[in-house]
Amino acid sequence: MLLLVVGVVLLGVFAVRFGRDRRRLGHGVFLLLGLGFVGAWVVGRIIEGDRTVVLAPLVVLLSPLLVLALAGLSIANGAQLVRREGWRLPNLLPLGLGIALLTPYVVLLLALLTENIWLVVLLASLTMTISYVGFLFAAFLLYSLCYGLLPYRPGMDAIVVHGAGLVDGEVPPLLAARLDRAIEVYRDEAGAGRAPLLIASGGRGDDEEVSEASAMGDYLIDRGVPEDRVVLEDRSGTTEENLLFTKRLLGERGPTTRMVLVTSNFHMLRTAILARRLDLDAEVTGAKTAFYYLPSAFLREFAALLVAYKWSNAIVAAALVSLPPLALLATRG
C-alpha cells in the first residue's frame, strides 16, 4: 500500500506542476517515478506468495541482458546512421551510447580477472553515474513522447518555423516536414477566421548562398501561403537565437507575442523548455521524422539539455562517483 500512496502522490505533484506550465523538464522525473511506484504496487498485487522470491533474482538476471540489448540496438542504429548519412558527430552518438553502456561490463570482467578491489570500486562509480544519466534519459524520453501527443492550442498571433539547414540551397525533407506542418496549422487558423503571421526563421550558413529563411519563405509562398503573411527572420543560427530574434521581431509589430513554434517532433520538448526560460508565451507543435533518425535525434536533444543544466548534473554525478571510494575508505579505516 505504501508503494501505491507514494506513486499517487508523485503523480499528483506531476499533475499540479503540469497544470501550471507543461514546458518543464522536471515533469518527466515525477511522471516516471510515479508510474514506477504504481507499477511496482500492481506487480506486487499480481504476484502472490513465494513467487516474489523467484521474481527478484529473475529481475537481477534479466537487467544486465536488457542493458546489453540496449547497447546492441544503439550501436546498430549508429551504424545505420553512418551508412545513410556519413561520419558526422551527431550520427556517432548512438555508437557512443552503446560503448558507454558496455564499459561497466568490461570493467567488471577486468575486476574479476585481476581481483582488484579498486576496479570493483571504479565499476560501482561508473554504474551509479550511468544509472543516474540513464534515469534522466528515461524521464526525458517519457515526457518528450507525452509532450508530443499534446494537442495544438489554436488562436496564435504567429506561427514560427525553425530552420534545419539547407542542402545545396534547397529545402531538405526534414525542413520540408516542418514547413508542411506550419502550412497545416496556418490553414486551420485561417479556416477559423484568423490570419497569423508565418515566420520563417533561420540564418545563412557559411556554405550557403541564401539564408534558410529565404528558401523557407519561397517554399511557403509556392504552396499557397499569402506573401503578405510570410515574414523572414534570417539572422539566427541556433534555436535560442531563433526565439530571441522572433520575440524581438514580433515586439516591433505589436504588443502581443503569442506564438506556436513549429519544429521536428524530437525537438519539441527542448524548444518548449527554451521558450519558457526566455519567458515567451509559446506553444510547440512537431512534424514527423523518419523513424531511423529518431534515436540519434533524441540523444542529441538529451545531450543538449545535460549541457544546459551542466552544473546541477555535474554536482550530482560527482557525488555519485565519490560514494563507492568513500565507502571503501570508511570500511578500511
Protein backbone atom coordinates (compact mmCIF):
# COMPACT_ATOMS: atom_id res chain seq x y z
CA MET A 1 0.00 0.00 0.00
CA LEU A 2 2.90 2.36 0.74
CA LEU A 3 4.12 1.99 -2.86
CA LEU A 4 0.68 2.98 -4.16
CA VAL A 5 0.46 6.01 -1.86
CA VAL A 6 3.91 7.26 -2.85
CA GLY A 7 3.14 6.70 -6.53
CA VAL A 8 -0.18 8.55 -6.35
CA VAL A 9 1.44 11.47 -4.50
CA LEU A 10 4.18 11.72 -7.15
CA LEU A 11 1.63 11.60 -9.96
CA GLY A 12 -0.39 14.26 -8.13
CA VAL A 13 2.69 16.51 -7.96
CA PHE A 14 3.19 15.92 -11.67
CA ALA A 15 -0.44 16.86 -12.41
CA VAL A 16 -0.23 20.10 -10.40
CA ARG A 17 3.07 21.14 -11.99
CA PHE A 18 1.80 20.20 -15.44
CA GLY A 19 -1.34 22.29 -14.94
CA ARG A 20 0.74 25.36 -14.13
CA ASP A 21 3.13 25.07 -17.06
CA ARG A 22 3.64 21.98 -19.19
CA ARG A 23 7.01 23.18 -20.51
CA ARG A 24 9.23 21.87 -17.69
CA LEU A 25 11.83 19.11 -17.85
CA GLY A 26 11.23 18.07 -14.23
CA HIS A 27 7.74 16.82 -15.11
CA GLY A 28 9.33 13.71 -16.60
CA VAL A 29 11.05 12.83 -13.30
CA PHE A 30 7.81 12.96 -11.29
CA LEU A 31 5.91 11.11 -14.01
CA LEU A 32 8.50 8.33 -14.29
CA LEU A 33 8.83 7.89 -10.52
CA GLY A 34 5.06 7.93 -10.03
CA LEU A 35 4.46 5.34 -12.72
CA GLY A 36 7.33 3.26 -11.33
CA PHE A 37 5.90 3.12 -7.81
CA VAL A 38 2.37 2.42 -9.03
CA GLY A 39 3.69 -0.24 -11.39
CA ALA A 40 5.63 -1.88 -8.55
CA TRP A 41 2.45 -1.95 -6.45
CA VAL A 42 0.49 -3.52 -9.32
CA VAL A 43 3.14 -6.20 -9.81
CA GLY A 44 3.11 -6.87 -6.06
CA ARG A 45 -0.68 -7.37 -6.17
CA ILE A 46 -0.46 -9.74 -9.12
CA ILE A 47 2.35 -11.86 -7.73
CA GLU A 48 1.42 -13.87 -4.67
CA GLY A 49 3.23 -15.99 -2.12
CA ASP A 50 6.71 -17.32 -2.78
CA ARG A 51 6.65 -16.27 -6.41
CA THR A 52 8.26 -12.98 -5.35
CA VAL A 53 11.28 -14.99 -4.29
CA VAL A 54 11.57 -16.21 -7.86
CA LEU A 55 10.87 -12.79 -9.39
CA ALA A 56 13.61 -10.90 -7.57
CA PRO A 57 16.59 -12.95 -8.83
CA LEU A 58 14.96 -13.14 -12.26
CA VAL A 59 14.88 -9.35 -12.49
CA VAL A 60 18.50 -9.19 -11.34
CA LEU A 61 19.48 -11.67 -14.05
CA LEU A 62 17.48 -10.02 -16.83
CA SER A 63 18.51 -6.40 -16.12
CA PRO A 64 22.08 -6.78 -17.43
CA LEU A 65 20.71 -8.54 -20.51
CA LEU A 66 18.35 -5.63 -21.14
CA VAL A 67 21.23 -3.16 -20.84
CA LEU A 68 23.29 -5.25 -23.24
CA ALA A 69 20.34 -5.37 -25.65
CA LEU A 70 20.03 -1.57 -25.48
CA ALA A 71 23.76 -1.24 -26.12
CA GLY A 72 23.46 -3.51 -29.16
CA LEU A 73 20.48 -1.57 -30.54
CA SER A 74 22.30 1.75 -30.04
CA ILE A 75 25.38 0.52 -31.87
CA ALA A 76 23.23 -0.88 -34.70
CA ASN A 77 21.35 2.42 -35.02
CA GLY A 78 24.64 4.34 -35.08
CA ALA A 79 25.96 2.09 -37.83
CA GLN A 80 22.75 2.64 -39.82
CA LEU A 81 23.04 6.42 -39.48
CA VAL A 82 26.69 6.40 -40.54
CA ARG A 83 25.83 4.25 -43.55
CA ARG A 84 22.95 6.54 -44.60
CA GLU A 85 24.34 9.98 -43.72
CA GLY A 86 28.10 9.64 -43.27
CA TRP A 87 30.63 10.05 -40.45
CA ARG A 88 29.24 13.12 -38.71
CA LEU A 89 29.36 13.73 -34.97
CA PRO A 90 25.57 13.60 -34.44
CA ASN A 91 25.47 10.22 -36.17
CA LEU A 92 28.10 8.86 -33.78
CA LEU A 93 26.03 9.49 -30.64
CA PRO A 94 24.24 6.11 -30.68
CA LEU A 95 27.62 4.40 -31.10
CA GLY A 96 28.95 6.36 -28.12
CA LEU A 97 25.95 5.40 -26.00
CA GLY A 98 26.36 1.73 -26.85
CA ILE A 99 30.05 1.79 -25.93
CA ALA A 100 29.30 3.66 -22.69
CA LEU A 101 26.72 1.03 -21.71
CA LEU A 102 29.25 -1.74 -22.37
CA THR A 103 32.04 -0.09 -20.35
CA PRO A 104 30.90 -1.26 -16.86
CA TYR A 105 30.80 -4.87 -18.06
CA VAL A 106 34.35 -4.60 -19.40
CA VAL A 107 35.48 -3.14 -16.07
CA LEU A 108 33.64 -5.90 -14.19
CA LEU A 109 35.39 -8.56 -16.27
CA LEU A 110 38.77 -6.97 -15.55
CA ALA A 111 37.94 -6.77 -11.85
CA LEU A 112 37.02 -10.46 -11.74
CA LEU A 113 40.16 -11.45 -13.62
CA THR A 114 42.55 -9.35 -11.55
CA GLU A 115 40.65 -9.48 -8.21
CA ASN A 116 41.43 -5.78 -7.85
CA ILE A 117 39.14 -4.11 -5.32
CA TRP A 118 39.74 -0.66 -6.80
CA LEU A 119 38.49 -1.85 -10.16
CA VAL A 120 35.33 -3.02 -8.42
CA VAL A 121 35.02 0.44 -6.86
CA LEU A 122 35.53 2.01 -10.29
CA LEU A 123 32.80 -0.24 -11.66
CA ALA A 124 30.45 0.85 -8.88
CA SER A 125 31.18 4.52 -9.60
CA LEU A 126 30.64 4.09 -13.32
CA THR A 127 27.45 2.11 -12.77
CA MET A 128 25.96 4.72 -10.43
CA THR A 129 26.78 7.56 -12.80
CA ILE A 130 25.45 5.72 -15.84
CA SER A 131 22.33 4.76 -13.87
CA TYR A 132 21.74 8.42 -13.00
CA VAL A 133 22.15 9.55 -16.60
CA GLY A 134 20.04 6.61 -17.74
CA PHE A 135 17.24 7.58 -15.35
CA LEU A 136 17.31 11.17 -16.58
CA PHE A 137 17.22 9.97 -20.19
CA ALA A 138 14.26 7.69 -19.46
CA ALA A 139 12.40 10.59 -17.79
CA PHE A 140 13.26 12.90 -20.70
CA LEU A 141 12.19 10.35 -23.31
CA LEU A 142 8.93 9.53 -21.49
CA TYR A 143 7.91 13.14 -21.15
CA SER A 144 9.09 14.00 -24.68
CA LEU A 145 6.75 11.35 -26.05
CA CYS A 146 3.91 12.56 -23.83
CA TYR A 147 4.53 16.20 -24.77
CA GLY A 148 4.48 15.25 -28.43
CA LEU A 149 0.95 13.87 -28.00
CA LEU A 150 -0.45 17.10 -26.55
CA PRO A 151 -2.96 18.80 -28.85
CA TYR A 152 -2.18 22.10 -30.50
CA ARG A 153 -3.84 25.12 -28.89
CA PRO A 154 -5.23 27.39 -31.63
CA GLY A 155 -5.51 31.16 -31.56
CA MET A 156 -1.89 32.23 -32.03
CA ASP A 157 -0.61 35.55 -33.34
CA ALA A 158 2.29 33.93 -35.17
CA ILE A 159 3.46 30.56 -36.45
CA VAL A 160 7.25 30.26 -36.24
CA VAL A 161 9.07 27.60 -38.26
CA HIS A 162 12.56 26.73 -37.04
CA GLY A 163 15.21 26.10 -39.67
CA ALA A 164 17.04 22.79 -40.01
CA GLY A 165 19.69 23.55 -42.63
CA LEU A 166 19.62 23.60 -46.43
CA VAL A 167 21.11 21.06 -48.84
CA ASP A 168 22.63 22.67 -51.93
CA GLY A 169 20.45 25.71 -51.29
CA GLU A 170 17.27 23.61 -51.33
CA VAL A 171 14.84 22.67 -48.57
CA PRO A 172 15.64 19.08 -47.45
CA PRO A 173 12.98 16.57 -46.28
CA LEU A 174 13.47 17.29 -42.55
CA LEU A 175 12.85 21.02 -43.04
CA ALA A 176 10.08 20.40 -45.58
CA ALA A 177 8.20 18.37 -42.96
CA ARG A 178 8.35 21.35 -40.57
CA LEU A 179 7.14 23.73 -43.26
CA ASP A 180 4.30 21.40 -44.25
CA ARG A 181 3.22 21.19 -40.61
CA ALA A 182 3.31 25.01 -40.39
CA ILE A 183 1.13 25.27 -43.51
CA GLU A 184 -1.33 22.83 -41.95
CA VAL A 185 -1.53 24.93 -38.78
CA TYR A 186 -1.88 28.13 -40.82
CA ARG A 187 -4.78 26.70 -42.84
CA ASP A 188 -6.53 25.60 -39.65
CA GLU A 189 -6.15 29.09 -38.21
CA ALA A 190 -7.28 30.72 -41.47
CA GLY A 191 -10.29 28.41 -41.56
CA ALA A 192 -11.29 29.72 -38.14
CA GLY A 193 -11.16 33.31 -39.39
CA ARG A 194 -7.70 34.21 -38.07
CA ALA A 195 -4.69 35.41 -40.07
CA PRO A 196 -1.49 34.79 -38.11
CA LEU A 197 1.94 35.69 -39.39
CA LEU A 198 4.04 32.79 -40.61
CA ILE A 199 7.66 33.42 -39.65
CA ALA A 200 10.45 31.51 -41.38
CA SER A 201 13.41 31.51 -39.00
CA GLY A 202 16.96 30.63 -39.99
CA GLY A 203 20.17 32.42 -40.96
CA ARG A 204 22.67 31.79 -43.72
CA GLY A 205 25.38 29.24 -43.11
CA ASP A 206 28.97 29.75 -44.20
CA ASP A 207 28.49 27.29 -47.07
CA GLU A 208 25.06 28.56 -48.14
CA GLU A 209 24.30 31.13 -50.85
CA VAL A 210 20.90 32.07 -49.41
CA SER A 211 19.54 32.12 -45.89
CA GLU A 212 17.33 29.33 -44.63
CA ALA A 213 14.59 31.88 -44.04
CA SER A 214 14.64 32.94 -47.70
CA ALA A 215 14.39 29.37 -49.00
CA MET A 216 11.70 28.59 -46.43
CA GLY A 217 9.72 31.70 -47.40
CA ASP A 218 9.79 30.68 -51.06
CA TYR A 219 8.61 27.18 -50.10
CA LEU A 220 5.66 28.58 -48.13
CA ILE A 221 4.59 31.06 -50.81
CA ASP A 222 4.86 28.42 -53.56
CA ARG A 223 2.39 26.30 -51.58
CA GLY A 224 -0.27 28.94 -51.25
CA VAL A 225 0.57 30.96 -48.15
CA PRO A 226 -0.16 34.66 -48.88
CA GLU A 227 3.08 36.57 -49.35
CA ASP A 228 1.95 39.35 -47.00
CA ARG A 229 1.65 36.80 -44.14
CA VAL A 230 5.20 35.46 -44.55
CA VAL A 231 7.94 37.14 -42.51
CA LEU A 232 11.64 36.26 -42.68
CA GLU A 233 13.91 36.09 -39.66
CA ASP A 234 17.26 35.50 -41.36
CA ARG A 235 19.89 36.17 -38.68
CA SER A 236 19.66 33.25 -36.26
CA GLY A 237 21.97 30.27 -36.11
CA THR A 238 20.64 28.40 -33.06
CA THR A 239 17.27 27.56 -31.55
CA GLU A 240 17.80 30.15 -28.81
CA GLU A 241 18.61 32.85 -31.37
CA ASN A 242 15.52 31.78 -33.36
CA LEU A 243 13.40 32.51 -30.30
CA LEU A 244 15.12 35.74 -29.26
CA PHE A 245 15.09 37.31 -32.72
CA THR A 246 11.50 36.22 -33.31
CA LYS A 247 10.42 37.73 -29.99
CA ARG A 248 12.08 41.00 -30.96
CA LEU A 249 10.55 40.89 -34.44
CA LEU A 250 7.04 40.36 -33.10
CA GLY A 251 7.57 43.03 -30.45
CA GLU A 252 8.21 45.55 -33.22
CA ARG A 253 4.88 44.67 -34.85
CA GLY A 254 2.63 44.91 -31.80
CA PRO A 255 2.20 44.21 -28.08
CA THR A 256 1.24 40.55 -28.41
CA THR A 257 3.77 37.79 -28.93
CA ARG A 258 1.64 34.66 -28.53
CA MET A 259 3.08 32.12 -30.93
CA VAL A 260 3.28 28.47 -31.87
CA LEU A 261 6.75 27.13 -32.62
CA VAL A 262 6.94 24.50 -35.36
CA THR A 263 9.86 22.10 -35.24
CA SER A 264 10.50 18.36 -35.55
CA ASN A 265 8.79 16.03 -33.07
CA PHE A 266 12.06 15.06 -31.38
CA HIS A 267 12.93 18.75 -30.85
CA MET A 268 9.62 19.78 -29.27
CA LEU A 269 10.39 19.45 -25.56
CA ARG A 270 13.76 21.24 -25.64
CA THR A 271 12.23 24.03 -27.72
CA ALA A 272 9.40 24.37 -25.19
CA ILE A 273 11.85 24.47 -22.27
CA LEU A 274 13.91 27.15 -24.01
CA ALA A 275 10.77 29.18 -24.70
CA ARG A 276 9.83 29.01 -21.04
CA ARG A 277 13.31 30.06 -19.91
CA LEU A 278 13.12 33.04 -22.28
CA ASP A 279 9.67 33.97 -20.91
CA LEU A 280 7.88 33.50 -24.22
CA ASP A 281 4.13 32.92 -24.49
CA ALA A 282 4.61 30.00 -26.85
CA GLU A 283 3.34 26.52 -27.57
CA VAL A 284 5.19 23.94 -29.65
CA THR A 285 3.97 21.55 -32.31
CA GLY A 286 6.06 18.98 -34.15
CA ALA A 287 6.46 17.46 -37.59
CA LYS A 288 7.00 13.74 -38.04
CA THR A 289 10.53 12.44 -38.58
CA ALA A 290 11.86 9.27 -40.22
CA PHE A 291 11.93 6.52 -37.58
CA TYR A 292 15.56 5.52 -38.13
CA TYR A 293 16.61 9.11 -37.38
CA LEU A 294 14.78 9.39 -34.03
CA PRO A 295 17.19 7.54 -31.66
CA SER A 296 20.13 9.74 -32.63
CA ALA A 297 17.95 12.85 -32.61
CA PHE A 298 16.59 12.20 -29.12
CA LEU A 299 20.12 11.54 -27.86
CA ARG A 300 21.29 14.89 -29.25
CA GLU A 301 18.37 16.66 -27.59
CA PHE A 302 19.13 14.97 -24.28
CA ALA A 303 22.84 15.79 -24.54
CA ALA A 304 21.95 19.44 -25.19
CA LEU A 305 19.76 19.52 -22.07
CA LEU A 306 22.52 17.91 -20.00
CA VAL A 307 24.79 20.75 -21.10
CA ALA A 308 22.09 23.35 -20.39
CA TYR A 309 21.83 22.04 -16.81
CA LYS A 310 25.51 21.12 -16.60
CA TRP A 311 26.28 22.40 -13.11
CA SER A 312 23.45 20.64 -11.30
CA ASN A 313 24.16 17.41 -13.22
CA ALA A 314 27.90 17.70 -12.54
CA ILE A 315 27.30 18.06 -8.79
CA VAL A 316 25.05 15.01 -8.65
CA ALA A 317 27.43 12.93 -10.82
CA ALA A 318 30.44 13.92 -8.68
CA ALA A 319 28.57 12.91 -5.52
CA LEU A 320 27.64 9.53 -7.01
CA VAL A 321 31.18 8.87 -8.26
CA SER A 322 32.67 9.63 -4.84
CA LEU A 323 30.34 7.37 -2.83
CA PRO A 324 31.97 3.96 -3.55
CA PRO A 325 35.58 5.14 -2.86
CA LEU A 326 34.46 6.87 0.34
CA ALA A 327 32.61 3.75 1.44
CA LEU A 328 35.71 1.61 0.82
CA LEU A 329 37.96 4.02 2.70
CA ALA A 330 35.48 4.10 5.60
CA THR A 331 35.43 0.30 5.91
CA ARG A 332 39.22 0.12 5.80
CA GLY A 333 39.59 2.97 8.28
